[in-house]
């Protein structure tokens, strides 16, 4: 239970800042998971059709590009978030 003097909820600025930082941490795990998907693709055989190398390379570099864009967006969001409650009140 929270002490009587502390607020029940977080302030909006600090809450958003923490969620953006959490999202930035999760981008790494998202990237690893998406890069592991080609390991599940069929490699060939009598009954299966193998995925062409050109398609696999397009997938890997496409995921790489999306991860870069996600990182840039999250860095932009972290840059403009207020760092302290005093910054949030300034016009």
PDB file of N, CA and C in Angstrom:
ATOM      1  N   UNK A   1       0.834  -1.179   0.000  1.00  0.00           N
ATOM      2  CA  UNK A   1       0.000   0.000   0.000  1.00  0.00           C
ATOM      3  C   UNK A   1       0.878   1.240   0.000  1.00  0.00           C
ATOM      4  N   UNK A   2       0.463   2.262  -0.729  1.00  0.00           N
ATOM      5  CA  UNK A   2       1.236   3.491  -0.847  1.00  0.00           C
ATOM      6  C   UNK A   2       1.113   4.333   0.417  1.00  0.00           C
ATOM      7  N   UNK A   3       2.215   4.994   0.807  1.00  0.00           N
ATOM      8  CA  UNK A   3       2.128   5.907   1.950  1.00  0.00           C
ATOM      9  C   UNK A   3       1.148   7.039   1.659  1.00  0.00           C
ATOM     10  N   UNK A   4       0.652   7.667   2.714  1.00  0.00           N
ATOM     11  CA  UNK A   4      -0.363   8.713   2.544  1.00  0.00           C
ATOM     12  C   UNK A   4       0.127   9.917   1.756  1.00  0.00           C
ATOM     13  N   UNK A   5       1.394  10.263   1.857  1.00  0.00           N
ATOM     14  CA  UNK A   5       1.907  11.457   1.202  1.00  0.00           C
ATOM     15  C   UNK A   5       2.194  11.291  -0.286  1.00  0.00           C
ATOM     16  N   UNK A   6       2.288  10.056  -0.779  1.00  0.00           N
ATOM     17  CA  UNK A   6       2.637   9.866  -2.179  1.00  0.00           C
ATOM     18  C   UNK A   6       1.390   9.829  -3.049  1.00  0.00           C
ATOM     19  N   UNK A   7       1.502  10.320  -4.296  1.00  0.00           N
ATOM     20  CA  UNK A   7       0.332  10.306  -5.184  1.00  0.00           C
ATOM     21  C   UNK A   7      -0.011   8.874  -5.595  1.00  0.00           C
ATOM     22  N   UNK A   8      -1.274   8.662  -5.890  1.00  0.00           N
ATOM     23  CA  UNK A   8      -1.734   7.340  -6.264  1.00  0.00           C
ATOM     24  C   UNK A   8      -1.296   6.986  -7.681  1.00  0.00           C
ATOM     25  N   UNK A   9      -1.320   7.956  -8.592  1.00  0.00           N
ATOM     26  CA  UNK A   9      -0.960   7.724  -9.981  1.00  0.00           C
ATOM     27  C   UNK A   9       0.282   8.528 -10.345  1.00  0.00           C
ATOM     28  N   UNK A  10       0.980   8.071 -11.383  1.00  0.00           N
ATOM     29  CA  UNK A  10       2.138   8.811 -11.879  1.00  0.00           C
ATOM     30  C   UNK A  10       1.671  10.012 -12.687  1.00  0.00           C
ATOM     31  N   UNK A  11       2.512  11.018 -12.743  1.00  0.00           N
ATOM     32  CA  UNK A  11       2.194  12.166 -13.576  1.00  0.00           C
ATOM     33  C   UNK A  11       2.241  11.757 -15.037  1.00  0.00           C
ATOM     34  N   UNK A  12       1.502  12.466 -15.863  1.00  0.00           N
ATOM     35  CA  UNK A  12       1.381  12.101 -17.269  1.00  0.00           C
ATOM     36  C   UNK A  12       2.721  12.130 -17.993  1.00  0.00           C
ATOM     37  N   UNK A  13       3.532  13.139 -17.749  1.00  0.00           N
ATOM     38  CA  UNK A  13       4.827  13.252 -18.434  1.00  0.00           C
ATOM     39  C   UNK A  13       5.775  12.128 -18.069  1.00  0.00           C
ATOM     40  N   UNK A  14       5.893  11.835 -16.792  1.00  0.00           N
ATOM     41  CA  UNK A  14       6.814  10.775 -16.384  1.00  0.00           C
ATOM     42  C   UNK A  14       6.289   9.406 -16.810  1.00  0.00           C
ATOM     43  N   UNK A  15       4.974   9.229 -16.827  1.00  0.00           N
ATOM     44  CA  UNK A  15       4.394   7.961 -17.276  1.00  0.00           C
ATOM     45  C   UNK A  15       4.707   7.725 -18.752  1.00  0.00           C
ATOM     46  N   UNK A  16       4.509   8.738 -19.573  1.00  0.00           N
ATOM     47  CA  UNK A  16       4.798   8.600 -21.011  1.00  0.00           C
ATOM     48  C   UNK A  16       6.284   8.380 -21.258  1.00  0.00           C
ATOM     49  N   UNK A  17       7.106   9.082 -20.500  1.00  0.00           N
ATOM     50  CA  UNK A  17       8.550   8.917 -20.664  1.00  0.00           C
ATOM     51  C   UNK A  17       8.962   7.485 -20.347  1.00  0.00           C
ATOM     52  N   UNK A  18       8.409   6.914 -19.308  1.00  0.00           N
ATOM     53  CA  UNK A  18       8.747   5.527 -18.960  1.00  0.00           C
ATOM     54  C   UNK A  18       8.240   4.547 -20.007  1.00  0.00           C
ATOM     55  N   UNK A  19       7.060   4.780 -20.554  1.00  0.00           N
ATOM     56  CA  UNK A  19       6.521   3.863 -21.567  1.00  0.00           C
ATOM     57  C   UNK A  19       7.320   3.929 -22.863  1.00  0.00           C
ATOM     58  N   UNK A  20       7.794   5.107 -23.241  1.00  0.00           N
ATOM     59  CA  UNK A  20       8.618   5.220 -24.447  1.00  0.00           C
ATOM     60  C   UNK A  20       9.962   4.544 -24.220  1.00  0.00           C
ATOM     61  N   UNK A  21      10.521   4.686 -23.029  1.00  0.00           N
ATOM     62  CA  UNK A  21      11.781   4.013 -22.723  1.00  0.00           C
ATOM     63  C   UNK A  21      11.588   2.497 -22.709  1.00  0.00           C
ATOM     64  N   UNK A  22      10.458   2.030 -22.206  1.00  0.00           N
ATOM     65  CA  UNK A  22      10.171   0.591 -22.246  1.00  0.00           C
ATOM     66  C   UNK A  22      10.039   0.098 -23.681  1.00  0.00           C
ATOM     67  N   UNK A  23       9.384   0.885 -24.524  1.00  0.00           N
ATOM     68  CA  UNK A  23       9.239   0.499 -25.936  1.00  0.00           C
ATOM     69  C   UNK A  23      10.601   0.445 -26.620  1.00  0.00           C
ATOM     70  N   UNK A  24      11.493   1.373 -26.285  1.00  0.00           N
ATOM     71  CA  UNK A  24      12.835   1.368 -26.875  1.00  0.00           C
ATOM     72  C   UNK A  24      13.607   0.114 -26.452  1.00  0.00           C
ATOM     73  N   UNK A  25      13.384  -0.340 -25.231  1.00  0.00           N
ATOM     74  CA  UNK A  25      14.046  -1.567 -24.793  1.00  0.00           C
ATOM     75  C   UNK A  25      13.470  -2.790 -25.498  1.00  0.00           C
ATOM     76  N   UNK A  26      12.180  -2.771 -25.788  1.00  0.00           N
ATOM     77  CA  UNK A  26      11.539  -3.917 -26.426  1.00  0.00           C
ATOM     78  C   UNK A  26      11.851  -4.030 -27.914  1.00  0.00           C
ATOM     79  N   UNK A  27      12.296  -2.957 -28.539  1.00  0.00           N
ATOM     80  CA  UNK A  27      12.638  -2.995 -29.963  1.00  0.00           C
ATOM     81  C   UNK A  27      13.735  -4.026 -30.221  1.00  0.00           C
ATOM     82  N   UNK A  28      14.663  -4.154 -29.293  1.00  0.00           N
ATOM     83  CA  UNK A  28      15.754  -5.119 -29.446  1.00  0.00           C
ATOM     84  C   UNK A  28      15.198  -6.542 -29.509  1.00  0.00           C
ATOM     85  N   UNK A  29      14.306  -6.875 -28.600  1.00  0.00           N
ATOM     86  CA  UNK A  29      13.743  -8.220 -28.562  1.00  0.00           C
ATOM     87  C   UNK A  29      12.824  -8.479 -29.750  1.00  0.00           C
ATOM     88  N   UNK A  30      12.119  -7.450 -30.185  1.00  0.00           N
ATOM     89  CA  UNK A  30      11.291  -7.574 -31.380  1.00  0.00           C
ATOM     90  C   UNK A  30      12.161  -7.886 -32.596  1.00  0.00           C
ATOM     91  N   UNK A  31      13.272  -7.191 -32.720  1.00  0.00           N
ATOM     92  CA  UNK A  31      14.190  -7.428 -33.827  1.00  0.00           C
ATOM     93  C   UNK A  31      14.770  -8.829 -33.815  1.00  0.00           C
ATOM     94  N   UNK A  32      15.171  -9.301 -32.652  1.00  0.00           N
ATOM     95  CA  UNK A  32      15.719 -10.661 -32.555  1.00  0.00           C
ATOM     96  C   UNK A  32      14.658 -11.683 -32.950  1.00  0.00           C
ATOM     97  N   UNK A  33      13.440 -11.490 -32.472  1.00  0.00           N
ATOM     98  CA  UNK A  33      12.366 -12.414 -32.815  1.00  0.00           C
ATOM     99  C   UNK A  33      12.050 -12.428 -34.298  1.00  0.00           C
ATOM    100  N   UNK A  34      12.019 -11.241 -34.909  1.00  0.00           N
ATOM    101  CA  UNK A  34      11.725 -11.168 -36.338  1.00  0.00           C
ATOM    102  C   UNK A  34      12.870 -11.721 -37.187  1.00  0.00           C
ATOM    103  N   UNK A  35      14.113 -11.564 -36.715  1.00  0.00           N
ATOM    104  CA  UNK A  35      15.240 -12.116 -37.460  1.00  0.00           C
ATOM    105  C   UNK A  35      15.353 -13.625 -37.304  1.00  0.00           C
ATOM    106  N   UNK A  36      14.686 -14.199 -36.321  1.00  0.00           N
ATOM    107  CA  UNK A  36      14.714 -15.659 -36.143  1.00  0.00           C
ATOM    108  C   UNK A  36      13.684 -16.360 -37.033  1.00  0.00           C
ATOM    109  N   UNK A  37      12.743 -15.644 -37.582  1.00  0.00           N
ATOM    110  CA  UNK A  37      11.706 -16.256 -38.416  1.00  0.00           C
ATOM    111  C   UNK A  37      12.288 -16.984 -39.628  1.00  0.00           C
ATOM    112  N   UNK A  38      13.305 -16.461 -40.317  1.00  0.00           N
ATOM    113  CA  UNK A  38      13.857 -17.221 -41.451  1.00  0.00           C
ATOM    114  C   UNK A  38      14.418 -18.595 -41.075  1.00  0.00           C
ATOM    115  N   UNK A  39      14.745 -18.809 -39.815  1.00  0.00           N
ATOM    116  CA  UNK A  39      15.214 -20.129 -39.400  1.00  0.00           C
ATOM    117  C   UNK A  39      14.102 -21.171 -39.499  1.00  0.00           C
ATOM    118  N   UNK A  40      12.856 -20.724 -39.492  1.00  0.00           N
ATOM    119  CA  UNK A  40      11.722 -21.638 -39.582  1.00  0.00           C
ATOM    120  C   UNK A  40      11.310 -21.928 -41.021  1.00  0.00           C
ATOM    121  N   UNK A  41      11.852 -21.195 -41.979  1.00  0.00           N
ATOM    122  CA  UNK A  41      11.486 -21.391 -43.367  1.00  0.00           C
ATOM    123  C   UNK A  41      12.027 -22.722 -43.880  1.00  0.00           C
ATOM    124  N   UNK A  42      11.323 -23.338 -44.809  1.00  0.00           N
ATOM    125  CA  UNK A  42      11.834 -24.606 -45.366  1.00  0.00           C
ATOM    126  C   UNK A  42      13.101 -24.372 -46.194  1.00  0.00           C
ATOM    127  N   UNK A  43      14.020 -25.312 -46.111  1.00  0.00           N
ATOM    128  CA  UNK A  43      15.285 -25.192 -46.841  1.00  0.00           C
ATOM    129  C   UNK A  43      15.300 -26.036 -48.102  1.00  0.00           C
ATOM    130  N   UNK A  44      14.283 -26.774 -48.337  1.00  0.00           N
ATOM    131  CA  UNK A  44      14.221 -27.600 -49.544  1.00  0.00           C
ATOM    132  C   UNK A  44      13.980 -29.055 -49.193  1.00  0.00           C
ATOM    133  N   UNK A  45      13.748 -29.834 -50.187  1.00  0.00           N
ATOM    134  CA  UNK A  45      13.492 -31.250 -49.980  1.00  0.00           C
ATOM    135  C   UNK A  45      12.576 -31.742 -51.085  1.00  0.00           C
ATOM    136  N   UNK A  46      12.146 -32.973 -50.965  1.00  0.00           N
ATOM    137  CA  UNK A  46      11.324 -33.572 -52.012  1.00  0.00           C
ATOM    138  C   UNK A  46       9.931 -32.959 -52.064  1.00  0.00           C
ATOM    139  N   UNK A  47       9.307 -32.730 -50.906  1.00  0.00           N
ATOM    140  CA  UNK A  47       7.918 -32.255 -50.897  1.00  0.00           C
ATOM    141  C   UNK A  47       7.806 -30.756 -50.628  1.00  0.00           C
ATOM    142  N   UNK A  48       8.878 -30.125 -50.225  1.00  0.00           N
ATOM    143  CA  UNK A  48       8.800 -28.714 -49.837  1.00  0.00           C
ATOM    144  C   UNK A  48       9.478 -27.823 -50.872  1.00  0.00           C
ATOM    145  N   UNK A  49       9.006 -26.622 -50.935  1.00  0.00           N
ATOM    146  CA  UNK A  49       9.579 -25.610 -51.816  1.00  0.00           C
ATOM    147  C   UNK A  49      10.466 -24.700 -50.967  1.00  0.00           C
ATOM    148  N   UNK A  50      11.719 -24.539 -51.332  1.00  0.00           N
ATOM    149  CA  UNK A  50      12.647 -23.697 -50.576  1.00  0.00           C
ATOM    150  C   UNK A  50      12.357 -22.228 -50.865  1.00  0.00           C
ATOM    151  N   UNK A  51      12.630 -21.390 -49.874  1.00  0.00           N
ATOM    152  CA  UNK A  51      12.481 -19.942 -50.029  1.00  0.00           C
ATOM    153  C   UNK A  51      13.720 -19.428 -50.759  1.00  0.00           C
ATOM    154  N   UNK A  52      13.534 -18.666 -51.831  1.00  0.00           N
ATOM    155  CA  UNK A  52      14.708 -18.145 -52.555  1.00  0.00           C
ATOM    156  C   UNK A  52      15.546 -17.212 -51.681  1.00  0.00           C
ATOM    157  N   UNK A  53      16.834 -17.219 -51.931  1.00  0.00           N
ATOM    158  CA  UNK A  53      17.752 -16.371 -51.164  1.00  0.00           C
ATOM    159  C   UNK A  53      17.429 -14.900 -51.342  1.00  0.00           C
ATOM    160  N   UNK A  54      16.974 -14.505 -52.528  1.00  0.00           N
ATOM    161  CA  UNK A  54      16.644 -13.097 -52.765  1.00  0.00           C
ATOM    162  C   UNK A  54      15.492 -12.650 -51.869  1.00  0.00           C
ATOM    163  N   UNK A  55      14.512 -13.511 -51.677  1.00  0.00           N
ATOM    164  CA  UNK A  55      13.381 -13.172 -50.815  1.00  0.00           C
ATOM    165  C   UNK A  55      13.818 -13.110 -49.352  1.00  0.00           C
ATOM    166  N   UNK A  56      14.704 -14.005 -48.948  1.00  0.00           N
ATOM    167  CA  UNK A  56      15.211 -14.003 -47.574  1.00  0.00           C
ATOM    168  C   UNK A  56      16.020 -12.733 -47.299  1.00  0.00           C
ATOM    169  N   UNK A  57      16.838 -12.320 -48.265  1.00  0.00           N
ATOM    170  CA  UNK A  57      17.617 -11.086 -48.081  1.00  0.00           C
ATOM    171  C   UNK A  57      16.717  -9.864 -48.027  1.00  0.00           C
ATOM    172  N   UNK A  58      15.686  -9.826 -48.852  1.00  0.00           N
ATOM    173  CA  UNK A  58      14.732  -8.720 -48.789  1.00  0.00           C
ATOM    174  C   UNK A  58      14.042  -8.674 -47.431  1.00  0.00           C
ATOM    175  N   UNK A  59      13.702  -9.826 -46.894  1.00  0.00           N
ATOM    176  CA  UNK A  59      13.074  -9.881 -45.574  1.00  0.00           C
ATOM    177  C   UNK A  59      14.014  -9.347 -44.494  1.00  0.00           C
ATOM    178  N   UNK A  60      15.254  -9.831 -44.495  1.00  0.00           N
ATOM    179  CA  UNK A  60      16.213  -9.422 -43.458  1.00  0.00           C
ATOM    180  C   UNK A  60      16.476  -7.919 -43.526  1.00  0.00           C
ATOM    181  N   UNK A  61      16.708  -7.384 -44.719  1.00  0.00           N
ATOM    182  CA  UNK A  61      16.978  -5.948 -44.823  1.00  0.00           C
ATOM    183  C   UNK A  61      15.725  -5.113 -44.620  1.00  0.00           C
ATOM    184  N   UNK A  62      14.570  -5.659 -44.929  1.00  0.00           N
ATOM    185  CA  UNK A  62      13.316  -4.958 -44.630  1.00  0.00           C
ATOM    186  C   UNK A  62      13.092  -4.828 -43.134  1.00  0.00           C
ATOM    187  N   UNK A  63      13.337  -5.909 -42.401  1.00  0.00           N
ATOM    188  CA  UNK A  63      13.223  -5.864 -40.939  1.00  0.00           C
ATOM    189  C   UNK A  63      14.257  -4.908 -40.359  1.00  0.00           C
ATOM    190  N   UNK A  64      15.455  -4.938 -40.913  1.00  0.00           N
ATOM    191  CA  UNK A  64      16.507  -4.034 -40.448  1.00  0.00           C
ATOM    192  C   UNK A  64      16.073  -2.579 -40.632  1.00  0.00           C
ATOM    193  N   UNK A  65      15.493  -2.265 -41.780  1.00  0.00           N
ATOM    194  CA  UNK A  65      15.021  -0.902 -42.047  1.00  0.00           C
ATOM    195  C   UNK A  65      13.908  -0.504 -41.086  1.00  0.00           C
ATOM    196  N   UNK A  66      12.968  -1.413 -40.841  1.00  0.00           N
ATOM    197  CA  UNK A  66      11.878  -1.108 -39.914  1.00  0.00           C
ATOM    198  C   UNK A  66      12.392  -0.887 -38.491  1.00  0.00           C
ATOM    199  N   UNK A  67      13.392  -1.645 -38.085  1.00  0.00           N
ATOM    200  CA  UNK A  67      13.959  -1.445 -36.755  1.00  0.00           C
ATOM    201  C   UNK A  67      14.669  -0.094 -36.645  1.00  0.00           C
ATOM    202  N   UNK A  68      15.329   0.319 -37.709  1.00  0.00           N
ATOM    203  CA  UNK A  68      15.974   1.636 -37.712  1.00  0.00           C
ATOM    204  C   UNK A  68      14.928   2.731 -37.609  1.00  0.00           C
ATOM    205  N   UNK A  69      13.865   2.619 -38.382  1.00  0.00           N
ATOM    206  CA  UNK A  69      12.799   3.624 -38.333  1.00  0.00           C
ATOM    207  C   UNK A  69      12.127   3.663 -36.960  1.00  0.00           C
ATOM    208  N   UNK A  70      11.894   2.500 -36.365  1.00  0.00           N
ATOM    209  CA  UNK A  70      11.293   2.459 -35.032  1.00  0.00           C
ATOM    210  C   UNK A  70      12.217   3.098 -33.998  1.00  0.00           C
ATOM    211  N   UNK A  71      13.506   2.862 -34.116  1.00  0.00           N
ATOM    212  CA  UNK A  71      14.469   3.448 -33.181  1.00  0.00           C
ATOM    213  C   UNK A  71      14.539   4.963 -33.334  1.00  0.00           C
ATOM    214  N   UNK A  72      14.512   5.440 -34.564  1.00  0.00           N
ATOM    215  CA  UNK A  72      14.538   6.884 -34.802  1.00  0.00           C
ATOM    216  C   UNK A  72      13.284   7.533 -34.229  1.00  0.00           C
ATOM    217  N   UNK A  73      12.137   6.901 -34.455  1.00  0.00           N
ATOM    218  CA  UNK A  73      10.880   7.447 -33.940  1.00  0.00           C
ATOM    219  C   UNK A  73      10.884   7.495 -32.410  1.00  0.00           C
ATOM    220  N   UNK A  74      11.331   6.418 -31.771  1.00  0.00           N
ATOM    221  CA  UNK A  74      11.352   6.402 -30.312  1.00  0.00           C
ATOM    222  C   UNK A  74      12.381   7.386 -29.752  1.00  0.00           C
ATOM    223  N   UNK A  75      13.509   7.542 -30.428  1.00  0.00           N
ATOM    224  CA  UNK A  75      14.499   8.527 -29.985  1.00  0.00           C
ATOM    225  C   UNK A  75      13.933   9.945 -30.113  1.00  0.00           C
ATOM    226  N   UNK A  76      13.184  10.189 -31.175  1.00  0.00           N
ATOM    227  CA  UNK A  76      12.536  11.488 -31.359  1.00  0.00           C
ATOM    228  C   UNK A  76      11.518  11.735 -30.246  1.00  0.00           C
ATOM    229  N   UNK A  77      10.747  10.717 -29.908  1.00  0.00           N
ATOM    230  CA  UNK A  77       9.754  10.850 -28.842  1.00  0.00           C
ATOM    231  C   UNK A  77      10.417  11.087 -27.494  1.00  0.00           C
ATOM    232  N   UNK A  78      11.543  10.416 -27.221  1.00  0.00           N
ATOM    233  CA  UNK A  78      12.241  10.615 -25.949  1.00  0.00           C
ATOM    234  C   UNK A  78      12.858  11.997 -25.875  1.00  0.00           C
ATOM    235  N   UNK A  79      13.264  12.510 -27.004  1.00  0.00           N
ATOM    236  CA  UNK A  79      13.898  13.834 -27.023  1.00  0.00           C
ATOM    237  C   UNK A  79      12.911  14.922 -26.626  1.00  0.00           C
ATOM    238  N   UNK A  80      11.664  14.800 -27.037  1.00  0.00           N
ATOM    239  CA  UNK A  80      10.686  15.851 -26.799  1.00  0.00           C
ATOM    240  C   UNK A  80       9.865  15.652 -25.541  1.00  0.00           C
ATOM    241  N   UNK A  81      10.065  14.580 -24.821  1.00  0.00           N
ATOM    242  CA  UNK A  81       9.348  14.379 -23.574  1.00  0.00           C
ATOM    243  C   UNK A  81       9.976  15.225 -22.477  1.00  0.00           C
ATOM    244  N   UNK A  82       9.170  15.740 -21.588  1.00  0.00           N
ATOM    245  CA  UNK A  82       9.751  16.511 -20.472  1.00  0.00           C
ATOM    246  C   UNK A  82      10.548  15.598 -19.551  1.00  0.00           C
ATOM    247  N   UNK A  83      11.711  16.079 -19.099  1.00  0.00           N
ATOM    248  CA  UNK A  83      12.593  15.278 -18.252  1.00  0.00           C
ATOM    249  C   UNK A  83      12.202  15.367 -16.782  1.00  0.00           C
ATOM    250  N   UNK A  84      11.718  16.509 -16.358  1.00  0.00           N
ATOM    251  CA  UNK A  84      11.328  16.711 -14.962  1.00  0.00           C
ATOM    252  C   UNK A  84       9.949  17.352 -14.920  1.00  0.00           C
ATOM    253  N   UNK A  85       9.275  17.282 -13.787  1.00  0.00           N
ATOM    254  CA  UNK A  85       7.967  17.938 -13.691  1.00  0.00           C
ATOM    255  C   UNK A  85       8.040  19.454 -13.921  1.00  0.00           C
ATOM    256  N   UNK A  86       9.170  20.074 -13.585  1.00  0.00           N
ATOM    257  CA  UNK A  86       9.293  21.516 -13.792  1.00  0.00           C
ATOM    258  C   UNK A  86       9.318  21.846 -15.284  1.00  0.00           C
ATOM    259  N   UNK A  87       9.940  20.950 -16.099  1.00  0.00           N
ATOM    260  CA  UNK A  87       9.987  21.172 -17.541  1.00  0.00           C
ATOM    261  C   UNK A  87       8.590  21.055 -18.151  1.00  0.00           C
ATOM    262  N   UNK A  88       7.764  20.220 -17.578  1.00  0.00           N
ATOM    263  CA  UNK A  88       6.409  20.028 -18.118  1.00  0.00           C
ATOM    264  C   UNK A  88       5.557  21.267 -17.898  1.00  0.00           C
ATOM    265  N   UNK A  89       5.827  22.024 -16.840  1.00  0.00           N
ATOM    266  CA  UNK A  89       5.029  23.201 -16.545  1.00  0.00           C
ATOM    267  C   UNK A  89       5.490  24.431 -17.316  1.00  0.00           C
ATOM    268  N   UNK A  90       6.721  24.410 -17.838  1.00  0.00           N
ATOM    269  CA  UNK A  90       7.243  25.568 -18.569  1.00  0.00           C
ATOM    270  C   UNK A  90       6.525  25.686 -19.901  1.00  0.00           C
ATOM    271  N   UNK A  91       6.194  26.925 -20.335  1.00  0.00           N
ATOM    272  CA  UNK A  91       5.489  27.108 -21.608  1.00  0.00           C
ATOM    273  C   UNK A  91       6.329  26.832 -22.816  1.00  0.00           C
TER     274      UNK A  91
END
